[in-house]
PDB file of N, CA and C in Angstrom:
ATOM      1  N   MET A   1      42.378 123.502  56.954  1.00  0.00           N
ATOM      2  CA  MET A   1      42.181 123.274  58.180  1.00  0.00           C
ATOM      3  C   MET A   1      42.246 121.998  58.955  1.00  0.00           C
ATOM      4  N   PHE A   2      41.541 121.175  58.330  1.00  0.00           N
ATOM      5  CA  PHE A   2      41.118 119.739  58.793  1.00  0.00           C
ATOM      6  C   PHE A   2      41.688 118.645  57.752  1.00  0.00           C
ATOM      7  N   GLN A   3      42.829 118.992  57.292  1.00  0.00           N
ATOM      8  CA  GLN A   3      43.511 118.207  56.155  1.00  0.00           C
ATOM      9  C   GLN A   3      43.810 116.930  56.515  1.00  0.00           C
ATOM     10  N   PHE A   4      43.733 116.632  57.818  1.00  0.00           N
ATOM     11  CA  PHE A   4      44.272 115.204  58.151  1.00  0.00           C
ATOM     12  C   PHE A   4      42.966 114.367  58.544  1.00  0.00           C
ATOM     13  N   PHE A   5      41.661 114.836  58.256  1.00  0.00           N
ATOM     14  CA  PHE A   5      40.525 113.719  58.090  1.00  0.00           C
ATOM     15  C   PHE A   5      40.339 113.906  56.443  1.00  0.00           C
ATOM     16  N   LYS A   6      40.719 114.504  55.819  1.00  0.00           N
ATOM     17  CA  LYS A   6      40.540 114.052  54.282  1.00  0.00           C
ATOM     18  C   LYS A   6      41.464 113.018  53.806  1.00  0.00           C
ATOM     19  N   LYS A   7      40.763 112.010  53.165  1.00  0.00           N
ATOM     20  CA  LYS A   7      41.817 110.865  52.573  1.00  0.00           C
ATOM     21  C   LYS A   7      42.417 111.195  51.489  1.00  0.00           C
ATOM     22  N   LYS A   8      43.795 110.651  51.434  1.00  0.00           N
ATOM     23  CA  LYS A   8      44.616 110.788  50.226  1.00  0.00           C
ATOM     24  C   LYS A   8      43.811 109.989  49.072  1.00  0.00           C
ATOM     25  N   THR A   9      43.780 110.260  47.532  1.00  0.00           N
ATOM     26  CA  THR A   9      43.271 109.854  46.746  1.00  0.00           C
ATOM     27  C   THR A   9      44.284 108.973  46.194  1.00  0.00           C
ATOM     28  N   ASN A  10      44.214 108.035  45.128  1.00  0.00           N
ATOM     29  CA  ASN A  10      44.773 106.906  44.628  1.00  0.00           C
ATOM     30  C   ASN A  10      46.249 107.751  43.640  1.00  0.00           C
ATOM     31  N   LEU A  11      45.929 108.677  43.329  1.00  0.00           N
ATOM     32  CA  LEU A  11      46.867 109.364  42.688  1.00  0.00           C
ATOM     33  C   LEU A  11      47.815 110.221  43.711  1.00  0.00           C
ATOM     34  N   GLU A  12      47.492 110.601  44.685  1.00  0.00           N
ATOM     35  CA  GLU A  12      48.471 111.354  45.661  1.00  0.00           C
ATOM     36  C   GLU A  12      49.004 109.797  46.539  1.00  0.00           C
ATOM     37  N   LYS A  13      48.583 108.857  46.618  1.00  0.00           N
ATOM     38  CA  LYS A  13      49.207 107.998  47.074  1.00  0.00           C
ATOM     39  C   LYS A  13      50.506 107.368  46.334  1.00  0.00           C
ATOM     40  N   LEU A  14      50.239 107.042  45.187  1.00  0.00           N
ATOM     41  CA  LEU A  14      51.022 106.757  43.954  1.00  0.00           C
ATOM     42  C   LEU A  14      52.334 107.878  43.802  1.00  0.00           C
ATOM     43  N   GLU A  15      51.847 109.210  44.011  1.00  0.00           N
ATOM     44  CA  GLU A  15      52.945 110.268  44.028  1.00  0.00           C
ATOM     45  C   GLU A  15      53.959 109.821  45.363  1.00  0.00           C
ATOM     46  N   VAL A  16      53.277 109.626  46.510  1.00  0.00           N
ATOM     47  CA  VAL A  16      54.338 109.475  47.368  1.00  0.00           C
ATOM     48  C   VAL A  16      55.152 108.210  47.412  1.00  0.00           C
ATOM     49  N   LYS A  17      54.543 106.867  46.891  1.00  0.00           N
ATOM     50  CA  LYS A  17      55.270 106.072  46.710  1.00  0.00           C
ATOM     51  C   LYS A  17      56.469 105.921  45.805  1.00  0.00           C
ATOM     52  N   TYR A  18      55.975 106.971  44.770  1.00  0.00           N
ATOM     53  CA  TYR A  18      57.073 106.924  43.636  1.00  0.00           C
ATOM     54  C   TYR A  18      58.357 107.759  44.262  1.00  0.00           C
ATOM     55  N   LYS A  19      58.021 108.776  44.803  1.00  0.00           N
ATOM     56  CA  LYS A  19      59.204 109.520  45.534  1.00  0.00           C
ATOM     57  C   LYS A  19      59.720 108.902  46.512  1.00  0.00           C
ATOM     58  N   LYS A  20      59.238 107.770  47.529  1.00  0.00           N
ATOM     59  CA  LYS A  20      59.801 107.081  48.340  1.00  0.00           C
ATOM     60  C   LYS A  20      60.854 106.099  47.588  1.00  0.00           C
ATOM     61  N   CYS A  21      60.153 105.725  46.373  1.00  0.00           N
ATOM     62  CA  CYS A  21      61.046 104.831  45.794  1.00  0.00           C
ATOM     63  C   CYS A  21      62.251 105.457  45.052  1.00  0.00           C
ATOM     64  N   LEU A  22      62.181 106.735  44.480  1.00  0.00           N
ATOM     65  CA  LEU A  22      63.303 107.267  44.043  1.00  0.00           C
ATOM     66  C   LEU A  22      64.302 107.453  44.973  1.00  0.00           C
ATOM     67  N   GLU A  23      63.745 108.087  46.153  1.00  0.00           N
ATOM     68  CA  GLU A  23      65.010 108.339  47.509  1.00  0.00           C
ATOM     69  C   GLU A  23      65.902 107.017  47.975  1.00  0.00           C
ATOM     70  N   GLU A  24      64.944 105.879  47.785  1.00  0.00           N
ATOM     71  CA  GLU A  24      65.645 104.893  47.987  1.00  0.00           C
ATOM     72  C   GLU A  24      66.524 104.300  46.967  1.00  0.00           C
ATOM     73  N   ALA A  25      66.153 104.549  45.711  1.00  0.00           N
ATOM     74  CA  ALA A  25      67.093 104.102  44.578  1.00  0.00           C
ATOM     75  C   ALA A  25      68.616 104.839  44.511  1.00  0.00           C
ATOM     76  N   PHE A  26      68.032 106.144  45.196  1.00  0.00           N
ATOM     77  CA  PHE A  26      69.354 107.156  45.420  1.00  0.00           C
ATOM     78  C   PHE A  26      70.251 106.458  46.255  1.00  0.00           C
ATOM     79  N   LEU A  27      69.650 106.188  47.539  1.00  0.00           N
ATOM     80  CA  LEU A  27      70.585 105.723  48.407  1.00  0.00           C
ATOM     81  C   LEU A  27      71.525 104.326  48.035  1.00  0.00           C
ATOM     82  N   LEU A  28      70.469 103.481  47.543  1.00  0.00           N
ATOM     83  CA  LEU A  28      71.084 102.236  47.511  1.00  0.00           C
ATOM     84  C   LEU A  28      72.376 102.585  46.157  1.00  0.00           C
ATOM     85  N   ALA A  29      72.167 103.576  45.310  1.00  0.00           N
ATOM     86  CA  ALA A  29      73.149 103.672  44.556  1.00  0.00           C
ATOM     87  C   ALA A  29      74.328 103.854  44.802  1.00  0.00           C
ATOM     88  N   GLN A  30      74.634 104.203  46.082  1.00  0.00           N
ATOM     89  CA  GLN A  30      75.745 104.499  46.750  1.00  0.00           C
ATOM     90  C   GLN A  30      76.397 103.344  47.378  1.00  0.00           C
ATOM     91  N   VAL A  31      75.632 102.255  47.229  1.00  0.00           N
ATOM     92  CA  VAL A  31      75.888 100.876  48.149  1.00  0.00           C
ATOM     93  C   VAL A  31      75.905  99.539  46.948  1.00  0.00           C
ATOM     94  N   ASN A  32      74.872  99.464  46.410  1.00  0.00           N
ATOM     95  CA  ASN A  32      74.355  98.519  45.519  1.00  0.00           C
ATOM     96  C   ASN A  32      73.719  99.150  44.417  1.00  0.00           C
ATOM     97  N   ARG A  33      74.379  98.972  43.285  1.00  0.00           N
ATOM     98  CA  ARG A  33      73.807  99.545  42.055  1.00  0.00           C
ATOM     99  C   ARG A  33      72.883  98.560  41.371  1.00  0.00           C
ATOM    100  N   THR A  34      72.736  97.317  41.648  1.00  0.00           N
ATOM    101  CA  THR A  34      71.918  96.306  40.836  1.00  0.00           C
ATOM    102  C   THR A  34      70.385  96.787  41.733  1.00  0.00           C
ATOM    103  N   LYS A  35      70.652  96.683  42.959  1.00  0.00           N
ATOM    104  CA  LYS A  35      69.374  96.842  43.679  1.00  0.00           C
ATOM    105  C   LYS A  35      68.996  98.087  43.330  1.00  0.00           C
ATOM    106  N   SER A  36      69.657  99.232  43.222  1.00  0.00           N
ATOM    107  CA  SER A  36      69.396 100.458  42.780  1.00  0.00           C
ATOM    108  C   SER A  36      68.624 100.592  41.644  1.00  0.00           C
ATOM    109  N   ASP A  37      68.775 100.040  40.579  1.00  0.00           N
ATOM    110  CA  ASP A  37      68.317  99.847  39.121  1.00  0.00           C
ATOM    111  C   ASP A  37      66.847  99.063  39.459  1.00  0.00           C
ATOM    112  N   GLU A  38      66.919  98.132  40.561  1.00  0.00           N
ATOM    113  CA  GLU A  38      65.539  97.764  40.507  1.00  0.00           C
ATOM    114  C   GLU A  38      64.555  98.427  41.115  1.00  0.00           C
ATOM    115  N   LYS A  39      64.983  99.373  41.913  1.00  0.00           N
ATOM    116  CA  LYS A  39      64.261 100.408  42.855  1.00  0.00           C
ATOM    117  C   LYS A  39      63.835 101.283  41.586  1.00  0.00           C
ATOM    118  N   TYR A  40      64.675 101.417  40.812  1.00  0.00           N
ATOM    119  CA  TYR A  40      64.296 102.751  39.849  1.00  0.00           C
ATOM    120  C   TYR A  40      63.139 102.080  38.590  1.00  0.00           C
ATOM    121  N   LYS A  41      63.458 100.739  38.467  1.00  0.00           N
ATOM    122  CA  LYS A  41      62.533 100.274  37.778  1.00  0.00           C
ATOM    123  C   LYS A  41      60.888 100.192  38.339  1.00  0.00           C
ATOM    124  N   GLU A  42      61.173  99.603  39.660  1.00  0.00           N
ATOM    125  CA  GLU A  42      59.636 100.205  40.265  1.00  0.00           C
ATOM    126  C   GLU A  42      59.393 101.424  40.552  1.00  0.00           C
ATOM    127  N   ALA A  43      60.107 102.330  40.431  1.00  0.00           N
ATOM    128  CA  ALA A  43      59.458 103.534  40.544  1.00  0.00           C
ATOM    129  C   ALA A  43      59.154 104.083  38.937  1.00  0.00           C
ATOM    130  N   GLU A  44      59.659 103.666  37.848  1.00  0.00           N
ATOM    131  CA  GLU A  44      58.949 103.787  36.801  1.00  0.00           C
ATOM    132  C   GLU A  44      57.521 103.378  36.596  1.00  0.00           C
ATOM    133  N   ALA A  45      57.313 102.049  36.970  1.00  0.00           N
ATOM    134  CA  ALA A  45      56.218 101.254  36.883  1.00  0.00           C
ATOM    135  C   ALA A  45      55.486 102.236  37.766  1.00  0.00           C
ATOM    136  N   ILE A  46      55.524 102.708  38.604  1.00  0.00           N
ATOM    137  CA  ILE A  46      54.727 103.517  39.551  1.00  0.00           C
ATOM    138  C   ILE A  46      54.286 104.838  38.644  1.00  0.00           C
ATOM    139  N   ALA A  47      55.264 105.452  38.178  1.00  0.00           N
ATOM    140  CA  ALA A  47      54.882 106.672  36.982  1.00  0.00           C
ATOM    141  C   ALA A  47      54.338 106.411  36.171  1.00  0.00           C
ATOM    142  N   GLN A  48      54.056 105.070  35.603  1.00  0.00           N
ATOM    143  CA  GLN A  48      53.657 104.713  34.442  1.00  0.00           C
ATOM    144  C   GLN A  48      52.036 104.941  35.007  1.00  0.00           C
ATOM    145  N   GLN A  49      52.047 104.255  35.926  1.00  0.00           N
ATOM    146  CA  GLN A  49      50.485 104.013  36.592  1.00  0.00           C
ATOM    147  C   GLN A  49      49.944 105.492  37.005  1.00  0.00           C
ATOM    148  N   ILE A  50      50.933 106.695  37.309  1.00  0.00           N
ATOM    149  CA  ILE A  50      50.468 107.807  37.943  1.00  0.00           C
ATOM    150  C   ILE A  50      49.701 108.963  36.119  1.00  0.00           C
ATOM    151  N   VAL A  51      50.655 108.077  34.988  1.00  0.00           N
ATOM    152  CA  VAL A  51      50.457 109.011  33.948  1.00  0.00           C
ATOM    153  C   VAL A  51      48.713 108.581  33.477  1.00  0.00           C
ATOM    154  N   GLN A  52      48.889 107.102  33.632  1.00  0.00           N
ATOM    155  CA  GLN A  52      47.597 106.262  33.380  1.00  0.00           C
ATOM    156  C   GLN A  52      46.209 107.273  34.097  1.00  0.00           C
ATOM    157  N   LEU A  53      46.631 107.318  35.414  1.00  0.00           N
ATOM    158  CA  LEU A  53      45.631 108.023  36.128  1.00  0.00           C
ATOM    159  C   LEU A  53      45.287 109.711  35.559  1.00  0.00           C
ATOM    160  N   LYS A  54      46.274 109.997  35.524  1.00  0.00           N
ATOM    161  CA  LYS A  54      46.205 111.634  35.022  1.00  0.00           C
ATOM    162  C   LYS A  54      45.354 111.814  33.485  1.00  0.00           C
ATOM    163  N   THR A  55      45.712 110.727  32.789  1.00  0.00           N
ATOM    164  CA  THR A  55      45.060 110.831  31.572  1.00  0.00           C
ATOM    165  C   THR A  55      43.701 110.375  31.481  1.00  0.00           C
ATOM    166  N   SER A  56      43.334 109.338  32.605  1.00  0.00           N
ATOM    167  CA  SER A  56      41.995 108.680  32.406  1.00  0.00           C
ATOM    168  C   SER A  56      40.783 109.668  33.322  1.00  0.00           C
TER     169      SER A  56
END
């Protein structure tokens, strides 16, 4: 009910950031493949952080 008062955890923030990076990588793939690859690498680094948070 009062979800907007609840602060996001670091895990939730990283998941949103990961999803956004993947979307940007997909859009960039249509225009510039090298920039798309850079965004994908950034997303993979965020995924590693997510895994670390989930295991700890």
